[in-house]
Amino acid sequence: RSNLLLRILIGLAAGSLAGIVFGPRIAWVSPLGDVFVRLLKLIVMPVVVFTLIVGAASIHPARLGRVGLKALLLYTLTTAFAVALGLAVGNLFQPGQGLELAGGAAGAGAGLKAETPSLLQTVLEIVPLNPFKAITDGNMLQTIFFAILFGMGVAYLRESQDSRIRIAADTGPDSVRDAELV
C-alpha cells in the first residue's frame, strides 16, 4: 500500500505539470479537482470530532486535567507560531499594497470602525450554543471544545458502576476504531 499523502502530492505535481504543458486546453478536468477538494472538506469535521471524542474518552478521568493542560499549551504555542508566521510573511510581502478598492474612500465602508471583541467575549465564543451548528458552519474551535467535553463525559461514564452505562460508553469508541479498520 502506498502512502496517501504521497499519492496526493504526485497528483498535485501531475496536475500542475499538465496545466503548464496543456494550458487552457486541460481545463475540462477542473471539475474533478473541485470534487476532490470538496470531498476533503467533507471529511475534515467528522474526523476531528470523532478523533477528539475517542481520544478524550480513552483517557482515565484522573489524568484528564494534566492531558487537557498539555493540549491547551500545545494549541496555544502552535497558534502563536501560526500568528507570528502570518505576520512575518504579511510584512515581508505586504499584500494589498498599492491596491485601490472600487469606490475609494467614499465607498460604503467609509468611516466604519471594526470593534475588537473583549477577552471575555472571545472566551465565551469558544462555547457553542449549538454543537451541530458549530460543526456544520466549520467553526473548528467550538467543535474542538464540544468534542473534548463530550469525550470527557464518555470517559467518566466508562468508570460507572452500572454495567449498562459502561457498555454504552464503550460502544462509541469501539465503533470508531472498527470504522478505522475499514
N, C-alpha and C. Protein backbone atom coordinates (compact mmCIF):
# COMPACT_ATOMS: atom_id res chain seq x y z
N ARG A 1 0.85 -1.19 0.00
CA ARG A 1 0.00 0.00 0.00
C ARG A 1 0.89 1.24 0.00
N SER A 2 0.52 2.17 -0.84
CA SER A 2 1.30 3.40 -0.89
C SER A 2 0.71 4.43 0.06
N ASN A 3 1.51 5.37 0.40
CA ASN A 3 1.14 6.43 1.32
C ASN A 3 0.14 7.39 0.64
N LEU A 4 -0.97 7.68 1.31
CA LEU A 4 -2.00 8.57 0.74
C LEU A 4 -1.44 9.96 0.48
N LEU A 5 -0.66 10.48 1.41
CA LEU A 5 -0.08 11.82 1.23
C LEU A 5 0.81 11.84 -0.01
N LEU A 6 1.59 10.80 -0.20
CA LEU A 6 2.47 10.73 -1.37
C LEU A 6 1.64 10.71 -2.66
N ARG A 7 0.55 9.95 -2.67
CA ARG A 7 -0.31 9.90 -3.85
C ARG A 7 -0.94 11.27 -4.13
N ILE A 8 -1.34 11.98 -3.07
CA ILE A 8 -1.92 13.31 -3.26
C ILE A 8 -0.88 14.27 -3.83
N LEU A 9 0.35 14.22 -3.31
CA LEU A 9 1.42 15.09 -3.81
C LEU A 9 1.77 14.77 -5.26
N ILE A 10 1.76 13.48 -5.62
CA ILE A 10 2.01 13.09 -7.01
C ILE A 10 0.91 13.64 -7.91
N GLY A 11 -0.35 13.54 -7.47
CA GLY A 11 -1.46 14.09 -8.23
C GLY A 11 -1.35 15.61 -8.38
N LEU A 12 -0.92 16.28 -7.32
CA LEU A 12 -0.73 17.74 -7.37
C LEU A 12 0.34 18.10 -8.39
N ALA A 13 1.46 17.37 -8.36
CA ALA A 13 2.54 17.64 -9.30
C ALA A 13 2.11 17.34 -10.73
N ALA A 14 1.40 16.23 -10.93
CA ALA A 14 0.93 15.87 -12.28
C ALA A 14 -0.06 16.90 -12.80
N GLY A 15 -0.96 17.37 -11.94
CA GLY A 15 -1.92 18.39 -12.36
C GLY A 15 -1.25 19.71 -12.70
N SER A 16 -0.26 20.08 -11.91
CA SER A 16 0.49 21.32 -12.19
C SER A 16 1.23 21.20 -13.51
N LEU A 17 1.86 20.07 -13.73
CA LEU A 17 2.60 19.84 -14.97
C LEU A 17 1.65 19.86 -16.17
N ALA A 18 0.49 19.22 -16.03
CA ALA A 18 -0.50 19.22 -17.13
C ALA A 18 -0.98 20.64 -17.41
N GLY A 19 -1.17 21.44 -16.37
CA GLY A 19 -1.59 22.83 -16.57
C GLY A 19 -0.54 23.65 -17.29
N ILE A 20 0.72 23.40 -16.97
CA ILE A 20 1.80 24.13 -17.64
C ILE A 20 1.93 23.69 -19.09
N VAL A 21 1.87 22.39 -19.34
CA VAL A 21 2.07 21.85 -20.69
C VAL A 21 0.88 22.15 -21.60
N PHE A 22 -0.34 21.88 -21.12
CA PHE A 22 -1.52 21.99 -21.98
C PHE A 22 -2.26 23.32 -21.86
N GLY A 23 -2.02 24.07 -20.82
CA GLY A 23 -2.66 25.37 -20.65
C GLY A 23 -4.17 25.25 -20.53
N PRO A 24 -4.91 26.17 -21.16
CA PRO A 24 -6.37 26.19 -21.04
C PRO A 24 -7.06 24.96 -21.65
N ARG A 25 -6.36 24.20 -22.52
CA ARG A 25 -6.99 23.02 -23.14
C ARG A 25 -7.28 21.92 -22.13
N ILE A 26 -6.65 21.95 -20.96
CA ILE A 26 -6.84 20.90 -19.95
C ILE A 26 -7.89 21.30 -18.90
N ALA A 27 -8.52 22.44 -19.11
CA ALA A 27 -9.48 22.96 -18.13
C ALA A 27 -10.69 22.04 -17.92
N TRP A 28 -10.93 21.11 -18.83
CA TRP A 28 -12.07 20.20 -18.69
C TRP A 28 -11.93 19.27 -17.50
N VAL A 29 -10.72 19.09 -16.94
CA VAL A 29 -10.55 18.24 -15.77
C VAL A 29 -10.74 19.00 -14.46
N SER A 30 -10.96 20.29 -14.55
CA SER A 30 -11.13 21.11 -13.35
C SER A 30 -12.23 20.62 -12.41
N PRO A 31 -13.38 20.16 -12.94
CA PRO A 31 -14.41 19.65 -12.02
C PRO A 31 -13.94 18.46 -11.17
N LEU A 32 -13.04 17.65 -11.69
CA LEU A 32 -12.51 16.53 -10.91
C LEU A 32 -11.73 17.04 -9.70
N GLY A 33 -10.94 18.06 -9.90
CA GLY A 33 -10.20 18.66 -8.79
C GLY A 33 -11.13 19.31 -7.78
N ASP A 34 -12.17 19.97 -8.29
CA ASP A 34 -13.15 20.60 -7.40
C ASP A 34 -13.86 19.56 -6.53
N VAL A 35 -14.22 18.43 -7.13
CA VAL A 35 -14.87 17.35 -6.38
C VAL A 35 -13.92 16.80 -5.32
N PHE A 36 -12.65 16.62 -5.69
CA PHE A 36 -11.66 16.11 -4.74
C PHE A 36 -11.52 17.04 -3.53
N VAL A 37 -11.41 18.33 -3.78
CA VAL A 37 -11.28 19.30 -2.68
C VAL A 37 -12.54 19.30 -1.82
N ARG A 38 -13.72 19.21 -2.45
CA ARG A 38 -14.97 19.15 -1.68
C ARG A 38 -15.02 17.90 -0.81
N LEU A 39 -14.54 16.77 -1.33
CA LEU A 39 -14.52 15.53 -0.54
C LEU A 39 -13.57 15.65 0.65
N LEU A 40 -12.44 16.32 0.45
CA LEU A 40 -11.51 16.55 1.56
C LEU A 40 -12.17 17.42 2.64
N LYS A 41 -12.85 18.48 2.21
CA LYS A 41 -13.53 19.35 3.17
C LYS A 41 -14.66 18.61 3.87
N LEU A 42 -15.32 17.70 3.15
CA LEU A 42 -16.42 16.92 3.70
C LEU A 42 -15.97 16.06 4.86
N ILE A 43 -14.77 15.54 4.79
CA ILE A 43 -14.31 14.57 5.78
C ILE A 43 -13.61 15.22 6.97
N VAL A 44 -13.23 16.48 6.87
CA VAL A 44 -12.43 17.12 7.93
C VAL A 44 -13.17 17.14 9.27
N MET A 45 -14.37 17.69 9.31
CA MET A 45 -15.07 17.84 10.59
C MET A 45 -15.41 16.50 11.25
N PRO A 46 -15.92 15.51 10.51
CA PRO A 46 -16.17 14.23 11.18
C PRO A 46 -14.89 13.60 11.75
N VAL A 47 -13.79 13.71 11.02
CA VAL A 47 -12.54 13.15 11.53
C VAL A 47 -12.11 13.86 12.80
N VAL A 48 -12.20 15.19 12.82
CA VAL A 48 -11.82 15.95 14.01
C VAL A 48 -12.72 15.57 15.18
N VAL A 49 -14.02 15.56 14.96
CA VAL A 49 -14.97 15.26 16.04
C VAL A 49 -14.72 13.88 16.63
N PHE A 50 -14.70 12.87 15.78
CA PHE A 50 -14.58 11.50 16.30
C PHE A 50 -13.20 11.22 16.88
N THR A 51 -12.16 11.78 16.29
CA THR A 51 -10.83 11.58 16.84
C THR A 51 -10.71 12.18 18.23
N LEU A 52 -11.23 13.39 18.41
CA LEU A 52 -11.14 14.03 19.72
C LEU A 52 -12.03 13.34 20.75
N ILE A 53 -13.21 12.92 20.34
CA ILE A 53 -14.10 12.22 21.28
C ILE A 53 -13.44 10.92 21.75
N VAL A 54 -12.94 10.14 20.80
CA VAL A 54 -12.30 8.87 21.16
C VAL A 54 -11.04 9.11 21.98
N GLY A 55 -10.27 10.13 21.61
CA GLY A 55 -9.06 10.44 22.37
C GLY A 55 -9.35 10.84 23.80
N ALA A 56 -10.32 11.72 23.97
CA ALA A 56 -10.68 12.16 25.33
C ALA A 56 -11.34 11.03 26.12
N ALA A 57 -12.11 10.19 25.46
CA ALA A 57 -12.80 9.10 26.15
C ALA A 57 -11.83 7.99 26.56
N SER A 58 -10.71 7.89 25.87
CA SER A 58 -9.77 6.82 26.18
C SER A 58 -8.84 7.15 27.35
N ILE A 59 -8.87 8.38 27.81
CA ILE A 59 -8.01 8.80 28.91
C ILE A 59 -8.75 8.58 30.23
N HIS A 60 -8.04 8.06 31.19
CA HIS A 60 -8.63 7.85 32.52
C HIS A 60 -9.00 9.21 33.09
N PRO A 61 -10.19 9.33 33.71
CA PRO A 61 -10.64 10.63 34.22
C PRO A 61 -9.65 11.33 35.15
N ALA A 62 -8.87 10.57 35.90
CA ALA A 62 -7.91 11.19 36.82
C ALA A 62 -6.79 11.92 36.06
N ARG A 63 -6.52 11.51 34.81
CA ARG A 63 -5.44 12.13 34.03
C ARG A 63 -5.95 13.21 33.08
N LEU A 64 -7.26 13.40 33.00
CA LEU A 64 -7.82 14.35 32.04
C LEU A 64 -7.29 15.77 32.25
N GLY A 65 -7.14 16.18 33.49
CA GLY A 65 -6.69 17.55 33.78
C GLY A 65 -5.30 17.82 33.23
N ARG A 66 -4.36 16.90 33.49
CA ARG A 66 -2.99 17.09 33.01
C ARG A 66 -2.92 17.04 31.49
N VAL A 67 -3.61 16.09 30.90
CA VAL A 67 -3.59 15.98 29.44
C VAL A 67 -4.25 17.21 28.81
N GLY A 68 -5.35 17.66 29.40
CA GLY A 68 -6.02 18.86 28.89
C GLY A 68 -5.13 20.08 28.97
N LEU A 69 -4.39 20.22 30.06
CA LEU A 69 -3.48 21.35 30.20
C LEU A 69 -2.37 21.30 29.16
N LYS A 70 -1.83 20.11 28.92
CA LYS A 70 -0.80 19.96 27.90
C LYS A 70 -1.36 20.27 26.52
N ALA A 71 -2.57 19.81 26.24
CA ALA A 71 -3.19 20.08 24.93
C ALA A 71 -3.44 21.58 24.75
N LEU A 72 -3.91 22.23 25.81
CA LEU A 72 -4.14 23.67 25.74
C LEU A 72 -2.83 24.43 25.50
N LEU A 73 -1.78 24.01 26.18
CA LEU A 73 -0.47 24.64 25.99
C LEU A 73 0.03 24.43 24.57
N LEU A 74 -0.09 23.21 24.06
CA LEU A 74 0.34 22.93 22.69
C LEU A 74 -0.48 23.73 21.69
N TYR A 75 -1.79 23.81 21.90
CA TYR A 75 -2.66 24.57 21.00
C TYR A 75 -2.27 26.05 21.01
N THR A 76 -1.99 26.59 22.20
CA THR A 76 -1.60 27.99 22.33
C THR A 76 -0.26 28.25 21.62
N LEU A 77 0.70 27.35 21.81
CA LEU A 77 2.00 27.54 21.18
C LEU A 77 1.92 27.45 19.66
N THR A 78 1.17 26.48 19.14
CA THR A 78 1.06 26.37 17.69
C THR A 78 0.28 27.55 17.10
N THR A 79 -0.70 28.04 17.82
CA THR A 79 -1.44 29.22 17.36
C THR A 79 -0.53 30.45 17.35
N ALA A 80 0.26 30.62 18.40
CA ALA A 80 1.19 31.75 18.46
C ALA A 80 2.21 31.66 17.31
N PHE A 81 2.68 30.45 17.02
CA PHE A 81 3.61 30.27 15.90
C PHE A 81 2.95 30.63 14.58
N ALA A 82 1.70 30.19 14.39
CA ALA A 82 0.98 30.49 13.14
C ALA A 82 0.76 32.00 12.98
N VAL A 83 0.42 32.67 14.08
CA VAL A 83 0.21 34.12 14.03
C VAL A 83 1.53 34.83 13.69
N ALA A 84 2.61 34.42 14.35
CA ALA A 84 3.92 35.03 14.10
C ALA A 84 4.35 34.81 12.65
N LEU A 85 4.15 33.60 12.15
CA LEU A 85 4.50 33.31 10.76
C LEU A 85 3.65 34.14 9.80
N GLY A 86 2.36 34.24 10.06
CA GLY A 86 1.48 35.04 9.22
C GLY A 86 1.87 36.52 9.21
N LEU A 87 2.20 37.05 10.38
CA LEU A 87 2.63 38.45 10.45
C LEU A 87 3.95 38.66 9.72
N ALA A 88 4.87 37.73 9.87
CA ALA A 88 6.17 37.85 9.20
C ALA A 88 6.00 37.82 7.69
N VAL A 89 5.22 36.88 7.19
CA VAL A 89 5.02 36.78 5.74
C VAL A 89 4.25 37.99 5.23
N GLY A 90 3.25 38.45 5.99
CA GLY A 90 2.50 39.64 5.58
C GLY A 90 3.37 40.88 5.53
N ASN A 91 4.25 41.04 6.50
CA ASN A 91 5.16 42.20 6.49
C ASN A 91 6.21 42.07 5.41
N LEU A 92 6.63 40.85 5.09
CA LEU A 92 7.63 40.64 4.05
C LEU A 92 7.08 40.94 2.67
N PHE A 93 5.91 40.38 2.34
CA PHE A 93 5.34 40.55 1.00
C PHE A 93 4.38 41.72 0.88
N GLN A 94 3.85 42.21 1.98
CA GLN A 94 2.93 43.35 2.02
C GLN A 94 1.81 43.22 0.98
N PRO A 95 0.96 42.20 1.14
CA PRO A 95 -0.13 42.01 0.18
C PRO A 95 -1.11 43.18 0.25
N GLY A 96 -1.61 43.58 -0.91
CA GLY A 96 -2.59 44.66 -0.98
C GLY A 96 -1.98 46.05 -1.06
N GLN A 97 -0.65 46.12 -0.98
CA GLN A 97 -0.01 47.44 -1.06
C GLN A 97 -0.23 48.01 -2.46
N GLY A 98 -0.71 49.22 -2.52
CA GLY A 98 -0.98 49.88 -3.79
C GLY A 98 -2.33 49.55 -4.38
N LEU A 99 -3.10 48.72 -3.71
CA LEU A 99 -4.42 48.34 -4.19
C LEU A 99 -5.42 49.43 -3.85
N GLU A 100 -6.18 49.85 -4.84
CA GLU A 100 -7.23 50.83 -4.60
C GLU A 100 -8.56 50.15 -4.87
N LEU A 101 -9.39 50.13 -3.86
CA LEU A 101 -10.70 49.50 -4.00
C LEU A 101 -11.64 50.37 -4.79
N ALA A 102 -12.56 49.74 -5.50
CA ALA A 102 -13.54 50.49 -6.28
C ALA A 102 -14.37 51.35 -5.34
N GLY A 103 -14.54 52.58 -5.68
CA GLY A 103 -15.32 53.49 -4.84
C GLY A 103 -14.42 54.30 -3.91
N GLY A 104 -13.19 53.88 -3.75
CA GLY A 104 -12.23 54.62 -2.93
C GLY A 104 -12.71 54.82 -1.51
N ALA A 105 -12.33 55.93 -0.91
CA ALA A 105 -12.66 56.22 0.49
C ALA A 105 -14.14 56.57 0.64
N ALA A 106 -14.80 56.92 -0.43
CA ALA A 106 -16.20 57.29 -0.34
C ALA A 106 -17.12 56.08 -0.46
N GLY A 107 -16.54 54.87 -0.42
CA GLY A 107 -17.33 53.64 -0.56
C GLY A 107 -18.24 53.43 0.63
N ALA A 108 -18.99 52.34 0.57
CA ALA A 108 -19.99 52.04 1.59
C ALA A 108 -19.37 51.83 2.97
N GLY A 109 -18.11 51.38 3.04
CA GLY A 109 -17.49 51.10 4.33
C GLY A 109 -16.72 52.27 4.89
N ALA A 110 -16.77 53.40 4.26
CA ALA A 110 -16.00 54.55 4.73
C ALA A 110 -16.50 55.02 6.09
N GLY A 111 -15.58 55.25 6.96
CA GLY A 111 -15.92 55.77 8.28
C GLY A 111 -16.31 54.71 9.29
N LEU A 112 -16.48 53.47 8.87
CA LEU A 112 -16.83 52.40 9.79
C LEU A 112 -15.57 51.90 10.49
N LYS A 113 -15.71 51.59 11.74
CA LYS A 113 -14.57 51.11 12.51
C LYS A 113 -14.93 49.75 13.10
N ALA A 114 -14.09 48.76 12.85
CA ALA A 114 -14.32 47.43 13.39
C ALA A 114 -14.01 47.43 14.88
N GLU A 115 -14.87 46.79 15.66
CA GLU A 115 -14.64 46.70 17.10
C GLU A 115 -13.99 45.38 17.44
N THR A 116 -12.96 45.44 18.26
CA THR A 116 -12.30 44.24 18.72
C THR A 116 -13.08 43.67 19.90
N PRO A 117 -13.43 42.38 19.84
CA PRO A 117 -14.18 41.81 20.96
C PRO A 117 -13.29 41.72 22.21
N SER A 118 -13.94 41.78 23.36
CA SER A 118 -13.19 41.69 24.62
C SER A 118 -12.69 40.26 24.81
N LEU A 119 -11.75 40.09 25.73
CA LEU A 119 -11.22 38.77 26.03
C LEU A 119 -12.34 37.85 26.53
N LEU A 120 -13.22 38.40 27.38
CA LEU A 120 -14.33 37.60 27.90
C LEU A 120 -15.24 37.13 26.77
N GLN A 121 -15.56 38.03 25.84
CA GLN A 121 -16.42 37.66 24.71
C GLN A 121 -15.74 36.60 23.85
N THR A 122 -14.44 36.72 23.66
CA THR A 122 -13.69 35.74 22.88
C THR A 122 -13.75 34.36 23.52
N VAL A 123 -13.58 34.32 24.86
CA VAL A 123 -13.64 33.05 25.58
C VAL A 123 -15.06 32.48 25.52
N LEU A 124 -16.07 33.32 25.65
CA LEU A 124 -17.46 32.86 25.57
C LEU A 124 -17.78 32.28 24.20
N GLU A 125 -17.16 32.81 23.15
CA GLU A 125 -17.43 32.34 21.79
C GLU A 125 -16.88 30.94 21.56
N ILE A 126 -16.00 30.45 22.45
CA ILE A 126 -15.47 29.09 22.31
C ILE A 126 -16.56 28.08 22.63
N VAL A 127 -17.48 28.42 23.52
CA VAL A 127 -18.54 27.51 23.93
C VAL A 127 -19.69 27.64 22.93
N PRO A 128 -19.99 26.55 22.20
CA PRO A 128 -21.04 26.66 21.18
C PRO A 128 -22.44 26.66 21.80
N LEU A 129 -23.32 27.46 21.24
CA LEU A 129 -24.72 27.41 21.64
C LEU A 129 -25.37 26.14 21.11
N ASN A 130 -24.95 25.74 19.92
CA ASN A 130 -25.47 24.52 19.29
C ASN A 130 -24.28 23.80 18.65
N PRO A 131 -23.85 22.67 19.21
CA PRO A 131 -22.67 22.00 18.67
C PRO A 131 -22.83 21.54 17.23
N PHE A 132 -24.03 21.19 16.82
CA PHE A 132 -24.24 20.75 15.45
C PHE A 132 -24.10 21.91 14.47
N LYS A 133 -24.54 23.10 14.90
CA LYS A 133 -24.36 24.29 14.06
C LYS A 133 -22.88 24.62 13.95
N ALA A 134 -22.14 24.48 15.05
CA ALA A 134 -20.70 24.74 15.02
C ALA A 134 -20.02 23.79 14.04
N ILE A 135 -20.43 22.54 14.03
CA ILE A 135 -19.84 21.55 13.13
C ILE A 135 -20.19 21.89 11.68
N THR A 136 -21.46 22.18 11.41
CA THR A 136 -21.87 22.45 10.02
C THR A 136 -21.33 23.77 9.51
N ASP A 137 -21.12 24.75 10.41
CA ASP A 137 -20.55 26.03 9.99
C ASP A 137 -19.04 25.96 9.85
N GLY A 138 -18.44 24.85 10.29
CA GLY A 138 -16.99 24.72 10.20
C GLY A 138 -16.25 25.51 11.26
N ASN A 139 -16.92 25.81 12.37
CA ASN A 139 -16.29 26.55 13.46
C ASN A 139 -15.42 25.57 14.25
N MET A 140 -14.14 25.53 13.91
CA MET A 140 -13.25 24.50 14.44
C MET A 140 -13.06 24.59 15.95
N LEU A 141 -12.88 25.78 16.48
CA LEU A 141 -12.62 25.92 17.91
C LEU A 141 -13.82 25.46 18.75
N GLN A 142 -15.02 25.85 18.35
CA GLN A 142 -16.22 25.39 19.05
C GLN A 142 -16.40 23.89 18.90
N THR A 143 -16.07 23.36 17.74
CA THR A 143 -16.18 21.91 17.52
C THR A 143 -15.20 21.16 18.40
N ILE A 144 -13.97 21.65 18.50
CA ILE A 144 -12.96 21.02 19.35
C ILE A 144 -13.42 21.04 20.80
N PHE A 145 -13.94 22.18 21.25
CA PHE A 145 -14.41 22.29 22.63
C PHE A 145 -15.51 21.26 22.90
N PHE A 146 -16.49 21.19 22.01
CA PHE A 146 -17.59 20.25 22.19
C PHE A 146 -17.10 18.80 22.19
N ALA A 147 -16.24 18.46 21.23
CA ALA A 147 -15.78 17.07 21.12
C ALA A 147 -14.99 16.65 22.35
N ILE A 148 -14.15 17.52 22.86
CA ILE A 148 -13.37 17.18 24.05
C ILE A 148 -14.29 17.05 25.26
N LEU A 149 -15.24 17.97 25.39
CA LEU A 149 -16.19 17.89 26.51
C LEU A 149 -17.03 16.61 26.43
N PHE A 150 -17.48 16.27 25.24
CA PHE A 150 -18.26 15.05 25.05
C PHE A 150 -17.41 13.82 25.38
N GLY A 151 -16.16 13.82 24.91
CA GLY A 151 -15.25 12.71 25.20
C GLY A 151 -14.97 12.56 26.68
N MET A 152 -14.85 13.69 27.38
CA MET A 152 -14.65 13.64 28.82
C MET A 152 -15.87 13.02 29.50
N GLY A 153 -17.05 13.38 29.03
CA GLY A 153 -18.27 12.78 29.58
C GLY A 153 -18.30 11.28 29.37
N VAL A 154 -17.88 10.84 28.19
CA VAL A 154 -17.82 9.40 27.91
C VAL A 154 -16.79 8.72 28.82
N ALA A 155 -15.65 9.40 29.04
CA ALA A 155 -14.61 8.83 29.93
C ALA A 155 -15.15 8.63 31.34
N TYR A 156 -15.90 9.59 31.84
CA TYR A 156 -16.49 9.45 33.18
C TYR A 156 -17.56 8.35 33.19
N LEU A 157 -18.33 8.23 32.12
CA LEU A 157 -19.34 7.17 32.05
C LEU A 157 -18.71 5.78 32.03
N ARG A 158 -17.53 5.67 31.43
CA ARG A 158 -16.85 4.37 31.38
C ARG A 158 -16.43 3.88 32.76
N GLU A 159 -16.35 4.80 33.72
CA GLU A 159 -15.98 4.45 35.09
C GLU A 159 -17.21 4.13 35.95
N SER A 160 -18.39 4.15 35.35
CA SER A 160 -19.64 3.94 36.09
C SER A 160 -19.70 2.54 36.71
N GLN A 161 -20.43 2.45 37.82
CA GLN A 161 -20.63 1.17 38.47
C GLN A 161 -21.70 0.35 37.76
N ASP A 162 -22.57 1.03 37.02
CA ASP A 162 -23.65 0.36 36.29
C ASP A 162 -23.08 -0.22 34.99
N SER A 163 -23.18 -1.52 34.83
CA SER A 163 -22.58 -2.17 33.66
C SER A 163 -23.24 -1.73 32.36
N ARG A 164 -24.53 -1.40 32.38
CA ARG A 164 -25.21 -0.95 31.17
C ARG A 164 -24.63 0.37 30.68
N ILE A 165 -24.34 1.26 31.60
CA ILE A 165 -23.75 2.55 31.22
C ILE A 165 -22.34 2.35 30.70
N ARG A 166 -21.55 1.48 31.36
CA ARG A 166 -20.18 1.22 30.90
C ARG A 166 -20.18 0.63 29.49
N ILE A 167 -21.08 -0.30 29.23
CA ILE A 167 -21.14 -0.92 27.91
C ILE A 167 -21.53 0.12 26.86
N ALA A 168 -22.49 0.95 27.17
CA ALA A 168 -22.91 2.01 26.23
C ALA A 168 -21.77 2.99 25.97
N ALA A 169 -21.03 3.35 27.01
CA ALA A 169 -19.92 4.29 26.85
C ALA A 169 -18.78 3.68 26.05
N ASP A 170 -18.59 2.35 26.16
CA ASP A 170 -17.53 1.69 25.40
C ASP A 170 -17.90 1.47 23.94
N THR A 171 -19.17 1.48 23.62
CA THR A 171 -19.61 1.19 22.27
C THR A 171 -19.14 2.24 21.27
N GLY A 172 -19.24 3.51 21.61
CA GLY A 172 -18.86 4.59 20.69
C GLY A 172 -17.40 4.52 20.26
N PRO A 173 -16.45 4.56 21.20
CA PRO A 173 -15.04 4.48 20.80
C PRO A 173 -14.69 3.19 20.06
N ASP A 174 -15.30 2.07 20.46
CA ASP A 174 -15.04 0.82 19.76
C ASP A 174 -15.54 0.88 18.33
N SER A 175 -16.68 1.52 18.11
CA SER A 175 -17.23 1.66 16.76
C SER A 175 -16.32 2.50 15.89
N VAL A 176 -15.77 3.57 16.45
CA VAL A 176 -14.87 4.43 15.67
C VAL A 176 -13.60 3.65 15.33
N ARG A 177 -13.06 2.89 16.28
CA ARG A 177 -11.87 2.08 15.98
C ARG A 177 -12.17 1.05 14.91
N ASP A 178 -13.35 0.44 14.96
CA ASP A 178 -13.73 -0.53 13.93
C ASP A 178 -13.85 0.14 12.56
N ALA A 179 -14.38 1.36 12.53
CA ALA A 179 -14.52 2.09 11.28
C ALA A 179 -13.15 2.43 10.69
N GLU A 180 -12.16 2.67 11.55
CA GLU A 180 -10.82 2.98 11.06
C GLU A 180 -10.21 1.77 10.36
N LEU A 181 -10.59 0.57 10.77
CA LEU A 181 -10.07 -0.64 10.13
C LEU A 181 -10.59 -0.79 8.72
N VAL A 182 -11.81 -0.28 8.49
CA VAL A 182 -12.43 -0.39 7.17
C VAL A 182 -11.74 0.58 6.26
